[in-house]
Amino acid sequence: MTEGIWIAIIAAVQALSLGVLGKVSRDSSTTRKEVKNSHSTNLREELDERHHEQMSELRGIRKDVGRLDTRDIQRGEEIRDLTRKVDKHLDWSAEWSADIEDTLNPRKDRP
């Protein structure tokens, strides 16, 4: 290869390199503008603060769910107590009504 061909190849490679570098530079400045932190405080501190706020909300929700669970257990006990009372009442009234039926029978042939 002659010296002229090498010069042309080097010039072409330089032109391509400059074009690629210019494109990379433009893209990186656009990316930098999009990613740049416009916050007045440190982004990490804001994220930590938000995390703590969310965790306190979750703790509150857990407490609420625990209270609801306790209320549900109490309601279940109340329902069981009422069921026992109704069952006792029904047993008592069944015995009582059997005694009444004997006295209310209009047939005279019973002793």
N, C-alpha and C. Protein backbone atom coordinates (compact mmCIF):
# COMPACT_ATOMS: atom_id res chain seq x y z
N MET A 1 0.84 -1.17 0.00
CA MET A 1 0.00 0.00 0.00
C MET A 1 0.89 1.24 0.00
N THR A 2 0.37 2.18 -0.68
CA THR A 2 1.16 3.40 -0.80
C THR A 2 0.85 4.33 0.36
N GLU A 3 1.69 5.28 0.46
CA GLU A 3 1.56 6.25 1.54
C GLU A 3 0.26 7.05 1.44
N GLY A 4 -0.19 7.34 0.29
CA GLY A 4 -1.44 8.09 0.07
C GLY A 4 -2.67 7.32 0.55
N ILE A 5 -2.64 6.01 0.33
CA ILE A 5 -3.78 5.18 0.77
C ILE A 5 -3.84 5.15 2.30
N TRP A 6 -2.67 5.03 2.94
CA TRP A 6 -2.65 5.04 4.41
C TRP A 6 -3.15 6.37 4.97
N ILE A 7 -2.81 7.44 4.35
CA ILE A 7 -3.26 8.75 4.81
C ILE A 7 -4.78 8.85 4.65
N ALA A 8 -5.32 8.33 3.56
CA ALA A 8 -6.76 8.37 3.33
C ALA A 8 -7.50 7.51 4.35
N ILE A 9 -6.95 6.34 4.67
CA ILE A 9 -7.58 5.44 5.66
C ILE A 9 -7.57 6.10 7.04
N ILE A 10 -6.45 6.69 7.42
CA ILE A 10 -6.34 7.35 8.72
C ILE A 10 -7.31 8.53 8.79
N ALA A 11 -7.42 9.28 7.72
CA ALA A 11 -8.33 10.42 7.70
C ALA A 11 -9.78 9.94 7.82
N ALA A 12 -10.12 8.85 7.15
CA ALA A 12 -11.49 8.31 7.22
C ALA A 12 -11.81 7.83 8.63
N VAL A 13 -10.85 7.14 9.25
CA VAL A 13 -11.04 6.65 10.61
C VAL A 13 -11.20 7.83 11.58
N GLN A 14 -10.40 8.87 11.38
CA GLN A 14 -10.52 10.06 12.23
C GLN A 14 -11.88 10.72 12.07
N ALA A 15 -12.37 10.81 10.86
CA ALA A 15 -13.67 11.43 10.61
C ALA A 15 -14.78 10.62 11.27
N LEU A 16 -14.72 9.31 11.12
CA LEU A 16 -15.71 8.44 11.77
C LEU A 16 -15.64 8.56 13.29
N SER A 17 -14.44 8.60 13.82
CA SER A 17 -14.27 8.71 15.28
C SER A 17 -14.83 10.02 15.79
N LEU A 18 -14.56 11.11 15.09
CA LEU A 18 -15.08 12.41 15.51
C LEU A 18 -16.61 12.43 15.44
N GLY A 19 -17.18 11.82 14.42
CA GLY A 19 -18.64 11.75 14.31
C GLY A 19 -19.26 10.96 15.45
N VAL A 20 -18.68 9.81 15.77
CA VAL A 20 -19.18 8.98 16.86
C VAL A 20 -19.03 9.70 18.19
N LEU A 21 -17.88 10.34 18.43
CA LEU A 21 -17.67 11.06 19.68
C LEU A 21 -18.64 12.23 19.82
N GLY A 22 -18.90 12.93 18.72
CA GLY A 22 -19.86 14.03 18.77
C GLY A 22 -21.26 13.53 19.13
N LYS A 23 -21.66 12.41 18.55
CA LYS A 23 -22.98 11.82 18.85
C LYS A 23 -23.04 11.38 20.32
N VAL A 24 -22.01 10.73 20.81
CA VAL A 24 -21.97 10.29 22.21
C VAL A 24 -22.02 11.49 23.14
N SER A 25 -21.32 12.54 22.79
CA SER A 25 -21.31 13.75 23.63
C SER A 25 -22.70 14.38 23.70
N ARG A 26 -23.39 14.47 22.55
CA ARG A 26 -24.75 15.02 22.55
C ARG A 26 -25.70 14.15 23.36
N ASP A 27 -25.62 12.84 23.19
CA ASP A 27 -26.50 11.94 23.93
C ASP A 27 -26.22 11.99 25.43
N SER A 28 -24.96 12.07 25.81
CA SER A 28 -24.65 12.10 27.24
C SER A 28 -25.10 13.41 27.87
N SER A 29 -25.02 14.53 27.15
CA SER A 29 -25.51 15.79 27.74
C SER A 29 -27.03 15.75 27.87
N THR A 30 -27.73 15.14 26.92
CA THR A 30 -29.18 15.01 27.02
C THR A 30 -29.54 14.11 28.20
N THR A 31 -28.83 13.03 28.34
CA THR A 31 -29.06 12.11 29.46
C THR A 31 -28.77 12.80 30.78
N ARG A 32 -27.70 13.55 30.84
CA ARG A 32 -27.33 14.25 32.06
C ARG A 32 -28.43 15.23 32.47
N LYS A 33 -29.03 15.93 31.51
CA LYS A 33 -30.12 16.86 31.81
C LYS A 33 -31.33 16.13 32.37
N GLU A 34 -31.61 14.95 31.84
CA GLU A 34 -32.77 14.19 32.30
C GLU A 34 -32.56 13.59 33.68
N VAL A 35 -31.34 13.20 33.98
CA VAL A 35 -31.04 12.52 35.23
C VAL A 35 -30.66 13.48 36.35
N LYS A 36 -30.27 14.68 35.99
CA LYS A 36 -29.76 15.64 36.96
C LYS A 36 -30.76 15.84 38.10
N ASN A 37 -30.26 15.86 39.32
CA ASN A 37 -31.08 16.02 40.52
C ASN A 37 -31.47 17.49 40.65
N SER A 38 -32.77 17.76 40.52
CA SER A 38 -33.23 19.14 40.67
C SER A 38 -33.78 19.38 42.07
N HIS A 39 -33.57 18.43 42.96
CA HIS A 39 -34.07 18.57 44.32
C HIS A 39 -33.19 19.54 45.11
N SER A 40 -33.82 20.18 46.08
CA SER A 40 -33.05 21.11 46.90
C SER A 40 -32.26 20.37 47.97
N THR A 41 -32.62 19.12 48.22
CA THR A 41 -31.90 18.32 49.23
C THR A 41 -31.28 17.12 48.55
N ASN A 42 -30.61 16.35 49.34
CA ASN A 42 -29.98 15.13 48.85
C ASN A 42 -31.07 14.11 48.52
N LEU A 43 -30.99 13.53 47.34
CA LEU A 43 -32.00 12.57 46.89
C LEU A 43 -32.05 11.36 47.84
N ARG A 44 -30.92 10.93 48.32
CA ARG A 44 -30.88 9.78 49.22
C ARG A 44 -31.63 10.10 50.52
N GLU A 45 -31.44 11.30 51.03
CA GLU A 45 -32.13 11.70 52.27
C GLU A 45 -33.65 11.73 52.05
N GLU A 46 -34.07 12.23 50.89
CA GLU A 46 -35.50 12.24 50.58
C GLU A 46 -36.07 10.83 50.50
N LEU A 47 -35.33 9.95 49.85
CA LEU A 47 -35.78 8.56 49.75
C LEU A 47 -35.87 7.91 51.13
N ASP A 48 -34.88 8.17 51.98
CA ASP A 48 -34.91 7.61 53.34
C ASP A 48 -36.11 8.15 54.12
N GLU A 49 -36.37 9.45 53.96
CA GLU A 49 -37.50 10.05 54.67
C GLU A 49 -38.83 9.44 54.20
N ARG A 50 -38.96 9.28 52.90
CA ARG A 50 -40.18 8.66 52.36
C ARG A 50 -40.31 7.21 52.84
N HIS A 51 -39.20 6.52 52.90
CA HIS A 51 -39.22 5.14 53.38
C HIS A 51 -39.71 5.08 54.82
N HIS A 52 -39.21 5.97 55.67
CA HIS A 52 -39.64 6.00 57.07
C HIS A 52 -41.12 6.34 57.19
N GLU A 53 -41.59 7.27 56.34
CA GLU A 53 -43.02 7.61 56.35
C GLU A 53 -43.86 6.40 55.97
N GLN A 54 -43.44 5.69 54.94
CA GLN A 54 -44.20 4.52 54.49
C GLN A 54 -44.19 3.42 55.56
N MET A 55 -43.05 3.24 56.19
CA MET A 55 -42.96 2.22 57.24
C MET A 55 -43.85 2.57 58.43
N SER A 56 -43.93 3.83 58.78
CA SER A 56 -44.81 4.21 59.89
C SER A 56 -46.27 4.00 59.50
N GLU A 57 -46.62 4.25 58.24
CA GLU A 57 -47.98 3.97 57.77
C GLU A 57 -48.27 2.47 57.85
N LEU A 58 -47.31 1.66 57.44
CA LEU A 58 -47.50 0.20 57.50
C LEU A 58 -47.65 -0.27 58.95
N ARG A 59 -46.88 0.31 59.85
CA ARG A 59 -47.02 -0.06 61.26
C ARG A 59 -48.42 0.27 61.76
N GLY A 60 -48.94 1.44 61.36
CA GLY A 60 -50.29 1.83 61.75
C GLY A 60 -51.32 0.87 61.20
N ILE A 61 -51.14 0.46 59.96
CA ILE A 61 -52.08 -0.49 59.35
C ILE A 61 -52.01 -1.83 60.08
N ARG A 62 -50.82 -2.26 60.44
CA ARG A 62 -50.69 -3.53 61.18
C ARG A 62 -51.40 -3.46 62.53
N LYS A 63 -51.27 -2.31 63.21
CA LYS A 63 -51.97 -2.14 64.49
C LYS A 63 -53.48 -2.19 64.29
N ASP A 64 -53.96 -1.53 63.23
CA ASP A 64 -55.39 -1.54 62.94
C ASP A 64 -55.88 -2.96 62.67
N VAL A 65 -55.12 -3.71 61.90
CA VAL A 65 -55.50 -5.09 61.60
C VAL A 65 -55.51 -5.92 62.88
N GLY A 66 -54.53 -5.69 63.75
CA GLY A 66 -54.50 -6.41 65.03
C GLY A 66 -55.71 -6.10 65.88
N ARG A 67 -56.10 -4.83 65.91
CA ARG A 67 -57.30 -4.46 66.68
C ARG A 67 -58.54 -5.10 66.08
N LEU A 68 -58.62 -5.13 64.76
CA LEU A 68 -59.77 -5.77 64.11
C LEU A 68 -59.81 -7.27 64.43
N ASP A 69 -58.64 -7.89 64.46
CA ASP A 69 -58.58 -9.31 64.79
C ASP A 69 -59.07 -9.54 66.21
N THR A 70 -58.66 -8.67 67.14
CA THR A 70 -59.10 -8.79 68.53
C THR A 70 -60.61 -8.60 68.62
N ARG A 71 -61.14 -7.61 67.89
CA ARG A 71 -62.59 -7.39 67.88
C ARG A 71 -63.32 -8.60 67.31
N ASP A 72 -62.75 -9.19 66.27
CA ASP A 72 -63.37 -10.36 65.65
C ASP A 72 -63.43 -11.52 66.64
N ILE A 73 -62.36 -11.70 67.40
CA ILE A 73 -62.34 -12.77 68.42
C ILE A 73 -63.39 -12.49 69.48
N GLN A 74 -63.50 -11.23 69.91
CA GLN A 74 -64.50 -10.87 70.92
C GLN A 74 -65.91 -11.09 70.38
N ARG A 75 -66.16 -10.73 69.13
CA ARG A 75 -67.49 -10.93 68.54
C ARG A 75 -67.80 -12.43 68.45
N GLY A 76 -66.82 -13.22 68.13
CA GLY A 76 -67.03 -14.67 68.07
C GLY A 76 -67.41 -15.22 69.44
N GLU A 77 -66.75 -14.73 70.50
CA GLU A 77 -67.09 -15.18 71.85
C GLU A 77 -68.51 -14.74 72.22
N GLU A 78 -68.87 -13.51 71.85
CA GLU A 78 -70.22 -13.03 72.13
C GLU A 78 -71.26 -13.88 71.40
N ILE A 79 -70.99 -14.21 70.16
CA ILE A 79 -71.93 -15.02 69.38
C ILE A 79 -72.06 -16.41 70.00
N ARG A 80 -70.94 -16.99 70.43
CA ARG A 80 -71.01 -18.31 71.08
C ARG A 80 -71.82 -18.25 72.39
N ASP A 81 -71.62 -17.17 73.18
CA ASP A 81 -72.39 -17.01 74.41
C ASP A 81 -73.88 -16.87 74.12
N LEU A 82 -74.22 -16.07 73.12
CA LEU A 82 -75.63 -15.93 72.75
C LEU A 82 -76.22 -17.24 72.25
N THR A 83 -75.45 -17.98 71.49
CA THR A 83 -75.93 -19.27 70.99
C THR A 83 -76.21 -20.22 72.16
N ARG A 84 -75.31 -20.24 73.14
CA ARG A 84 -75.54 -21.10 74.32
C ARG A 84 -76.80 -20.68 75.06
N LYS A 85 -77.00 -19.36 75.22
CA LYS A 85 -78.19 -18.87 75.93
C LYS A 85 -79.46 -19.25 75.18
N VAL A 86 -79.43 -19.09 73.86
CA VAL A 86 -80.61 -19.44 73.07
C VAL A 86 -80.87 -20.94 73.15
N ASP A 87 -79.82 -21.73 73.07
CA ASP A 87 -79.99 -23.19 73.18
C ASP A 87 -80.57 -23.57 74.53
N LYS A 88 -80.06 -22.96 75.60
CA LYS A 88 -80.61 -23.25 76.93
C LYS A 88 -82.08 -22.85 77.01
N HIS A 89 -82.40 -21.69 76.45
CA HIS A 89 -83.79 -21.22 76.47
C HIS A 89 -84.68 -22.17 75.67
N LEU A 90 -84.21 -22.61 74.52
CA LEU A 90 -85.02 -23.53 73.71
C LEU A 90 -85.22 -24.86 74.43
N ASP A 91 -84.19 -25.36 75.09
CA ASP A 91 -84.34 -26.60 75.86
C ASP A 91 -85.36 -26.40 76.99
N TRP A 92 -85.23 -25.27 77.70
CA TRP A 92 -86.15 -24.99 78.79
C TRP A 92 -87.58 -24.86 78.29
N SER A 93 -87.78 -24.13 77.18
CA SER A 93 -89.14 -23.94 76.68
C SER A 93 -89.71 -25.23 76.12
N ALA A 94 -88.87 -26.11 75.58
CA ALA A 94 -89.36 -27.40 75.08
C ALA A 94 -89.87 -28.23 76.26
N GLU A 95 -89.15 -28.23 77.37
CA GLU A 95 -89.60 -28.95 78.56
C GLU A 95 -90.88 -28.32 79.10
N TRP A 96 -90.92 -27.03 79.17
CA TRP A 96 -92.07 -26.31 79.70
C TRP A 96 -93.30 -26.52 78.82
N SER A 97 -93.12 -26.47 77.48
CA SER A 97 -94.27 -26.64 76.59
C SER A 97 -94.79 -28.06 76.65
N ALA A 98 -93.95 -29.05 76.91
CA ALA A 98 -94.43 -30.42 77.04
C ALA A 98 -95.34 -30.53 78.26
N ASP A 99 -94.99 -29.85 79.35
CA ASP A 99 -95.85 -29.87 80.54
C ASP A 99 -97.16 -29.15 80.26
N ILE A 100 -97.13 -28.06 79.53
CA ILE A 100 -98.33 -27.30 79.21
C ILE A 100 -99.27 -28.11 78.33
N GLU A 101 -98.70 -28.81 77.37
CA GLU A 101 -99.55 -29.58 76.45
C GLU A 101 -100.37 -30.61 77.21
N ASP A 102 -99.81 -31.20 78.22
CA ASP A 102 -100.56 -32.18 79.00
C ASP A 102 -101.74 -31.51 79.71
N THR A 103 -101.59 -30.32 80.18
CA THR A 103 -102.67 -29.65 80.90
C THR A 103 -103.71 -29.04 79.98
N LEU A 104 -103.33 -28.78 78.75
CA LEU A 104 -104.26 -28.14 77.82
C LEU A 104 -105.05 -29.15 76.96
N ASN A 105 -104.81 -30.39 77.15
CA ASN A 105 -105.50 -31.40 76.35
C ASN A 105 -106.96 -31.43 76.74
N PRO A 106 -107.87 -31.16 75.83
CA PRO A 106 -109.30 -31.10 76.18
C PRO A 106 -109.93 -32.49 76.34
N ARG A 107 -109.23 -33.51 75.97
CA ARG A 107 -109.85 -34.85 76.09
C ARG A 107 -109.99 -35.23 77.56
N LYS A 108 -111.13 -35.75 77.88
CA LYS A 108 -111.42 -36.10 79.25
C LYS A 108 -111.00 -37.51 79.60
N ASP A 109 -110.63 -38.28 78.60
CA ASP A 109 -110.33 -39.68 78.87
C ASP A 109 -108.94 -39.87 79.47
N ARG A 110 -108.19 -38.88 79.61
CA ARG A 110 -106.86 -39.01 80.25
C ARG A 110 -107.02 -38.94 81.76
N PRO A 111 -106.31 -39.70 82.43
CA PRO A 111 -106.44 -39.65 83.90
C PRO A 111 -105.80 -38.45 84.53
